[in-house]
């Protein structure tokens, strides 16, 4: 589970970074979609960790708030690119 969380955490900014090199907003948006998918995958792993009692409720709530904020930011970025196109 730790390995999966790390993979997701690395994938989120990596996809955003890679997407910035693309020539069109449509291609960039595809990388943002991948980043968003990794953010939701990370949240799912977080829920599992909490359900399995690997983390406390307080820690879970703090991390859940942060990942949901990140998901909103990425979604907003995607929406902005889509409107621009």
C-alpha atoms as a PDB file:
ATOM      1  CA  UNK A   1       0.000   0.000   0.000  1.00  0.00           C
ATOM      2  CA  UNK A   2       2.834   2.415   0.812  1.00  0.00           C
ATOM      3  CA  UNK A   3       4.384   1.769  -2.589  1.00  0.00           C
ATOM      4  CA  UNK A   4       1.068   2.468  -4.297  1.00  0.00           C
ATOM      5  CA  UNK A   5       0.603   5.723  -2.375  1.00  0.00           C
ATOM      6  CA  UNK A   6       4.104   6.838  -3.334  1.00  0.00           C
ATOM      7  CA  UNK A   7       3.496   5.947  -6.972  1.00  0.00           C
ATOM      8  CA  UNK A   8       0.308   8.026  -7.026  1.00  0.00           C
ATOM      9  CA  UNK A   9       1.942  10.925  -5.198  1.00  0.00           C
ATOM     10  CA  UNK A  10       4.759  11.003  -7.767  1.00  0.00           C
ATOM     11  CA  UNK A  11       2.402  10.527 -10.710  1.00  0.00           C
ATOM     12  CA  UNK A  12       0.257  13.573  -9.896  1.00  0.00           C
ATOM     13  CA  UNK A  13       2.898  16.299 -10.371  1.00  0.00           C
ATOM     14  CA  UNK A  14       4.808  14.260 -12.960  1.00  0.00           C
ATOM     15  CA  UNK A  15       1.826  14.174 -15.322  1.00  0.00           C
ATOM     16  CA  UNK A  16       1.260  17.897 -14.849  1.00  0.00           C
ATOM     17  CA  UNK A  17       4.920  18.602 -15.596  1.00  0.00           C
ATOM     18  CA  UNK A  18       4.947  16.369 -18.644  1.00  0.00           C
ATOM     19  CA  UNK A  19       1.723  17.927 -19.902  1.00  0.00           C
ATOM     20  CA  UNK A  20       3.246  21.397 -19.905  1.00  0.00           C
ATOM     21  CA  UNK A  21       5.548  20.315 -22.718  1.00  0.00           C
ATOM     22  CA  UNK A  22       2.680  19.490 -25.057  1.00  0.00           C
ATOM     23  CA  UNK A  23       1.897  21.792 -27.959  1.00  0.00           C
ATOM     24  CA  UNK A  24      -1.863  21.985 -27.548  1.00  0.00           C
ATOM     25  CA  UNK A  25      -4.197  22.544 -24.636  1.00  0.00           C
ATOM     26  CA  UNK A  26      -6.057  19.383 -25.665  1.00  0.00           C
ATOM     27  CA  UNK A  27      -2.937  17.279 -25.165  1.00  0.00           C
ATOM     28  CA  UNK A  28      -2.095  19.084 -21.918  1.00  0.00           C
ATOM     29  CA  UNK A  29      -5.643  18.378 -20.705  1.00  0.00           C
ATOM     30  CA  UNK A  30      -5.104  14.645 -21.282  1.00  0.00           C
ATOM     31  CA  UNK A  31      -2.112  14.714 -18.929  1.00  0.00           C
ATOM     32  CA  UNK A  32      -4.139  16.657 -16.389  1.00  0.00           C
ATOM     33  CA  UNK A  33      -6.817  13.956 -16.656  1.00  0.00           C
ATOM     34  CA  UNK A  34      -4.183  11.351 -15.818  1.00  0.00           C
ATOM     35  CA  UNK A  35      -3.020  13.457 -12.907  1.00  0.00           C
ATOM     36  CA  UNK A  36      -6.594  13.753 -11.640  1.00  0.00           C
ATOM     37  CA  UNK A  37      -7.042   9.994 -11.939  1.00  0.00           C
ATOM     38  CA  UNK A  38      -3.937   9.484  -9.818  1.00  0.00           C
ATOM     39  CA  UNK A  39      -5.307  11.920  -7.241  1.00  0.00           C
ATOM     40  CA  UNK A  40      -8.518   9.888  -6.970  1.00  0.00           C
ATOM     41  CA  UNK A  41      -6.506   6.685  -6.778  1.00  0.00           C
ATOM     42  CA  UNK A  42      -4.447   8.227  -3.953  1.00  0.00           C
ATOM     43  CA  UNK A  43      -7.654   9.157  -2.134  1.00  0.00           C
ATOM     44  CA  UNK A  44      -8.930   5.598  -2.490  1.00  0.00           C
ATOM     45  CA  UNK A  45      -5.717   4.229  -1.007  1.00  0.00           C
ATOM     46  CA  UNK A  46      -6.075   6.739   1.826  1.00  0.00           C
ATOM     47  CA  UNK A  47      -9.607   5.493   2.543  1.00  0.00           C
ATOM     48  CA  UNK A  48      -8.368   1.908   2.597  1.00  0.00           C
ATOM     49  CA  UNK A  49      -5.546   2.883   4.973  1.00  0.00           C
ATOM     50  CA  UNK A  50      -8.054   4.501   7.292  1.00  0.00           C
ATOM     51  CA  UNK A  51     -10.519   1.601   7.113  1.00  0.00           C
ATOM     52  CA  UNK A  52      -7.718  -0.816   7.923  1.00  0.00           C
ATOM     53  CA  UNK A  53      -6.758   1.400  10.898  1.00  0.00           C
ATOM     54  CA  UNK A  54      -3.304   2.201   9.513  1.00  0.00           C
ATOM     55  CA  UNK A  55      -3.927   5.899  10.151  1.00  0.00           C
ATOM     56  CA  UNK A  56      -5.925   7.845  12.721  1.00  0.00           C
ATOM     57  CA  UNK A  57      -9.188   9.601  11.938  1.00  0.00           C
ATOM     58  CA  UNK A  58      -7.551  12.982  12.491  1.00  0.00           C
ATOM     59  CA  UNK A  59      -4.732  12.211  10.068  1.00  0.00           C
ATOM     60  CA  UNK A  60      -7.212  10.781   7.567  1.00  0.00           C
ATOM     61  CA  UNK A  61      -9.362  13.917   7.671  1.00  0.00           C
ATOM     62  CA  UNK A  62      -6.358  16.210   7.221  1.00  0.00           C
ATOM     63  CA  UNK A  63      -5.074  14.246   4.237  1.00  0.00           C
ATOM     64  CA  UNK A  64      -8.531  13.798   2.717  1.00  0.00           C
ATOM     65  CA  UNK A  65      -9.095  17.564   2.801  1.00  0.00           C
ATOM     66  CA  UNK A  66      -5.751  18.169   1.105  1.00  0.00           C
ATOM     67  CA  UNK A  67      -6.274  15.616  -1.657  1.00  0.00           C
ATOM     68  CA  UNK A  68      -9.806  16.871  -2.322  1.00  0.00           C
ATOM     69  CA  UNK A  69      -8.478  20.428  -2.590  1.00  0.00           C
ATOM     70  CA  UNK A  70      -5.896  19.189  -5.064  1.00  0.00           C
ATOM     71  CA  UNK A  71      -8.583  17.366  -7.059  1.00  0.00           C
ATOM     72  CA  UNK A  72     -10.602  20.601  -7.244  1.00  0.00           C
ATOM     73  CA  UNK A  73      -7.567  22.561  -8.431  1.00  0.00           C
ATOM     74  CA  UNK A  74      -6.747  20.047 -11.153  1.00  0.00           C
ATOM     75  CA  UNK A  75     -10.411  19.899 -12.233  1.00  0.00           C
ATOM     76  CA  UNK A  76     -10.536  23.683 -12.395  1.00  0.00           C
ATOM     77  CA  UNK A  77      -7.386  23.720 -14.499  1.00  0.00           C
ATOM     78  CA  UNK A  78      -8.932  21.193 -16.898  1.00  0.00           C
ATOM     79  CA  UNK A  79     -12.173  23.182 -17.099  1.00  0.00           C
ATOM     80  CA  UNK A  80     -10.204  26.354 -17.849  1.00  0.00           C
ATOM     81  CA  UNK A  81      -8.317  24.675 -20.688  1.00  0.00           C
ATOM     82  CA  UNK A  82     -11.521  23.168 -22.085  1.00  0.00           C
ATOM     83  CA  UNK A  83     -13.247  26.575 -22.127  1.00  0.00           C
ATOM     84  CA  UNK A  84     -10.242  28.104 -23.822  1.00  0.00           C
ATOM     85  CA  UNK A  85     -10.349  25.548 -26.657  1.00  0.00           C
END
